[in-house]
Amino acid sequence: MVNPTDVDVMDGLIHLGLGRGCKFTKEPDGFIKEAGTDEEERTTYFAGTFLHARTVSLTYNLDFICPPLVTQIQLGISYRCHTCALDTDLSPEVRGIIHIIGRWPGPVAH
């Protein structure tokens, strides 16, 4: 995780969403599956200072599998925090949401 801003990241959450049909083979450290959420979703909450200004300090390992013959997956990461500055030119549906798409030459198994 990177915080390129001049403000500490404080009091918020990070939400992960795998592509449909994929599932976590190991729970990501510090994340939970909340009641009523899809199998592909995990969330972590944080209070206080989570990531200091202008730092690169957090790494998360994600272990997951996808159905056979899948050659492309989407990983969605959304975040909210008390001190996060969101671009007001973006619609509310996409503020603070990051989508990562990866391609593999064969079946995905991570």
C-alpha atoms as a PDB file:
ATOM      1  CA  MET A   1       0.000   0.000   0.000  1.00  0.00           C
ATOM      2  CA  VAL A   2       1.214   3.450  -0.881  1.00  0.00           C
ATOM      3  CA  ASN A   3       0.193   6.796   0.565  1.00  0.00           C
ATOM      4  CA  PRO A   4       1.612   9.461  -1.789  1.00  0.00           C
ATOM      5  CA  THR A   5      -0.261  12.294  -0.021  1.00  0.00           C
ATOM      6  CA  ASP A   6       0.813  14.652   2.760  1.00  0.00           C
ATOM      7  CA  VAL A   7      -1.917  13.333   5.091  1.00  0.00           C
ATOM      8  CA  ASP A   8      -1.903  10.211   7.287  1.00  0.00           C
ATOM      9  CA  VAL A   9      -4.563   7.620   6.413  1.00  0.00           C
ATOM     10  CA  MET A  10      -6.811   7.253   9.479  1.00  0.00           C
ATOM     11  CA  ASP A  11      -9.990   5.482  10.596  1.00  0.00           C
ATOM     12  CA  GLY A  12     -11.489   3.535   7.736  1.00  0.00           C
ATOM     13  CA  LEU A  13     -11.759   0.298   5.809  1.00  0.00           C
ATOM     14  CA  ILE A  14     -10.422  -1.635   2.839  1.00  0.00           C
ATOM     15  CA  HIS A  15     -12.743  -3.918   0.886  1.00  0.00           C
ATOM     16  CA  LEU A  16     -11.516  -6.627  -1.520  1.00  0.00           C
ATOM     17  CA  GLY A  17     -13.626  -8.235  -4.223  1.00  0.00           C
ATOM     18  CA  LEU A  18     -12.452 -11.052  -6.488  1.00  0.00           C
ATOM     19  CA  GLY A  19     -13.956 -11.747  -9.885  1.00  0.00           C
ATOM     20  CA  ARG A  20     -17.093 -13.919  -9.911  1.00  0.00           C
ATOM     21  CA  GLY A  21     -16.399 -17.597  -9.470  1.00  0.00           C
ATOM     22  CA  CYS A  22     -13.022 -17.039  -7.829  1.00  0.00           C
ATOM     23  CA  LYS A  23     -12.578 -17.740  -4.134  1.00  0.00           C
ATOM     24  CA  PHE A  24     -10.028 -17.191  -1.420  1.00  0.00           C
ATOM     25  CA  THR A  25      -8.056 -20.318  -0.515  1.00  0.00           C
ATOM     26  CA  LYS A  26      -6.635 -18.590   2.551  1.00  0.00           C
ATOM     27  CA  GLU A  27      -8.105 -15.691   4.489  1.00  0.00           C
ATOM     28  CA  PRO A  28      -6.061 -12.527   3.881  1.00  0.00           C
ATOM     29  CA  ASP A  29      -4.354 -11.458   7.129  1.00  0.00           C
ATOM     30  CA  GLY A  30      -6.521  -9.000   9.029  1.00  0.00           C
ATOM     31  CA  PHE A  31      -9.528  -9.348   6.692  1.00  0.00           C
ATOM     32  CA  ILE A  32     -12.925 -10.899   7.456  1.00  0.00           C
ATOM     33  CA  LYS A  33     -15.844 -12.217   5.465  1.00  0.00           C
ATOM     34  CA  GLU A  34     -18.793 -10.214   6.690  1.00  0.00           C
ATOM     35  CA  ALA A  35     -22.203 -11.815   7.117  1.00  0.00           C
ATOM     36  CA  GLY A  36     -24.354 -11.433   4.033  1.00  0.00           C
ATOM     37  CA  THR A  37     -21.459 -10.723   1.652  1.00  0.00           C
ATOM     38  CA  ASP A  38     -20.448 -12.794  -1.364  1.00  0.00           C
ATOM     39  CA  GLU A  39     -17.783 -15.492  -1.055  1.00  0.00           C
ATOM     40  CA  GLU A  40     -15.485 -13.310  -3.185  1.00  0.00           C
ATOM     41  CA  GLU A  41     -15.512 -10.382  -0.704  1.00  0.00           C
ATOM     42  CA  ARG A  42     -13.374  -9.552   2.338  1.00  0.00           C
ATOM     43  CA  THR A  43     -13.091  -6.404   4.484  1.00  0.00           C
ATOM     44  CA  THR A  44     -10.690  -5.013   7.059  1.00  0.00           C
ATOM     45  CA  TYR A  45     -11.336  -2.051   9.348  1.00  0.00           C
ATOM     46  CA  PHE A  46      -8.736   0.197  10.933  1.00  0.00           C
ATOM     47  CA  ALA A  47      -8.775   2.840  13.640  1.00  0.00           C
ATOM     48  CA  GLY A  48      -6.146   5.465  14.263  1.00  0.00           C
ATOM     49  CA  THR A  49      -3.199   5.966  11.938  1.00  0.00           C
ATOM     50  CA  PHE A  50      -3.129   3.212   9.329  1.00  0.00           C
ATOM     51  CA  LEU A  51      -0.554   4.519   6.868  1.00  0.00           C
ATOM     52  CA  HIS A  52       1.623   7.582   7.372  1.00  0.00           C
ATOM     53  CA  ALA A  53       1.947  10.322   4.766  1.00  0.00           C
ATOM     54  CA  ARG A  54       4.357   9.683   1.909  1.00  0.00           C
ATOM     55  CA  THR A  55       5.050   6.061   2.836  1.00  0.00           C
ATOM     56  CA  VAL A  56       5.070   2.657   1.223  1.00  0.00           C
ATOM     57  CA  SER A  57       4.739   0.195   4.028  1.00  0.00           C
ATOM     58  CA  LEU A  58       1.952  -2.338   3.725  1.00  0.00           C
ATOM     59  CA  THR A  59       1.775  -5.456   1.595  1.00  0.00           C
ATOM     60  CA  TYR A  60      -1.058  -7.982   1.476  1.00  0.00           C
ATOM     61  CA  ASN A  61      -0.721 -11.485   0.082  1.00  0.00           C
ATOM     62  CA  LEU A  62      -3.858 -12.839  -1.561  1.00  0.00           C
ATOM     63  CA  ASP A  63      -4.273 -16.566  -2.108  1.00  0.00           C
ATOM     64  CA  PHE A  64      -7.187 -17.457  -4.379  1.00  0.00           C
ATOM     65  CA  ILE A  65      -8.321 -19.819  -7.108  1.00  0.00           C
ATOM     66  CA  CYS A  66     -10.551 -19.299 -10.107  1.00  0.00           C
ATOM     67  CA  PRO A  67     -12.605 -21.686 -12.230  1.00  0.00           C
ATOM     68  CA  PRO A  68     -10.755 -23.777 -14.850  1.00  0.00           C
ATOM     69  CA  LEU A  69      -9.998 -22.072 -18.156  1.00  0.00           C
ATOM     70  CA  VAL A  70     -10.210 -18.574 -16.677  1.00  0.00           C
ATOM     71  CA  THR A  71      -7.612 -16.388 -18.399  1.00  0.00           C
ATOM     72  CA  GLN A  72      -8.631 -13.000 -16.989  1.00  0.00           C
ATOM     73  CA  ILE A  73      -9.725 -11.935 -13.518  1.00  0.00           C
ATOM     74  CA  GLN A  74     -10.690  -8.673 -11.912  1.00  0.00           C
ATOM     75  CA  LEU A  75      -9.698  -7.682  -8.374  1.00  0.00           C
ATOM     76  CA  GLY A  76     -11.570  -4.722  -6.943  1.00  0.00           C
ATOM     77  CA  ILE A  77     -10.163  -2.768  -4.019  1.00  0.00           C
ATOM     78  CA  SER A  78     -12.226  -0.039  -2.428  1.00  0.00           C
ATOM     79  CA  TYR A  79     -11.255   2.102   0.510  1.00  0.00           C
ATOM     80  CA  ARG A  80     -12.741   4.751   2.738  1.00  0.00           C
ATOM     81  CA  CYS A  81     -11.126   6.673   5.562  1.00  0.00           C
ATOM     82  CA  HIS A  82     -11.664   9.745   7.685  1.00  0.00           C
ATOM     83  CA  THR A  83      -8.754  11.603   6.117  1.00  0.00           C
ATOM     84  CA  CYS A  84      -8.898  10.227   2.544  1.00  0.00           C
ATOM     85  CA  ALA A  85      -9.277  12.887  -0.120  1.00  0.00           C
ATOM     86  CA  LEU A  86     -11.484  11.706  -2.966  1.00  0.00           C
ATOM     87  CA  ASP A  87     -11.583  13.310  -6.387  1.00  0.00           C
ATOM     88  CA  THR A  88     -14.906  15.155  -6.477  1.00  0.00           C
ATOM     89  CA  ASP A  89     -14.931  15.043 -10.287  1.00  0.00           C
ATOM     90  CA  LEU A  90     -15.614  11.295 -10.071  1.00  0.00           C
ATOM     91  CA  SER A  91     -19.100   9.913  -9.590  1.00  0.00           C
ATOM     92  CA  PRO A  92     -19.917   8.536  -6.108  1.00  0.00           C
ATOM     93  CA  GLU A  93     -19.964   4.998  -7.523  1.00  0.00           C
ATOM     94  CA  VAL A  94     -16.266   5.040  -8.458  1.00  0.00           C
ATOM     95  CA  ARG A  95     -14.662   7.266  -5.839  1.00  0.00           C
ATOM     96  CA  GLY A  96     -12.031   5.371  -3.902  1.00  0.00           C
ATOM     97  CA  ILE A  97     -12.333   2.215  -6.003  1.00  0.00           C
ATOM     98  CA  ILE A  98      -9.377   0.566  -7.718  1.00  0.00           C
ATOM     99  CA  HIS A  99      -9.826  -2.239 -10.252  1.00  0.00           C
ATOM    100  CA  ILE A 100      -6.893  -4.410 -11.279  1.00  0.00           C
ATOM    101  CA  ILE A 101      -7.239  -6.705 -14.256  1.00  0.00           C
ATOM    102  CA  GLY A 102      -4.690  -9.375 -15.010  1.00  0.00           C
ATOM    103  CA  ARG A 103      -4.283 -11.768 -17.929  1.00  0.00           C
ATOM    104  CA  TRP A 104      -2.714 -15.184 -17.770  1.00  0.00           C
ATOM    105  CA  PRO A 105      -1.914 -17.527 -20.645  1.00  0.00           C
ATOM    106  CA  GLY A 106      -3.631 -20.452 -18.924  1.00  0.00           C
ATOM    107  CA  PRO A 107      -5.844 -21.309 -15.971  1.00  0.00           C
ATOM    108  CA  VAL A 108      -5.438 -19.027 -12.963  1.00  0.00           C
ATOM    109  CA  ALA A 109      -4.243 -20.603  -9.706  1.00  0.00           C
ATOM    110  CA  HIS A 110      -2.707 -18.304  -7.090  1.00  0.00           C
END
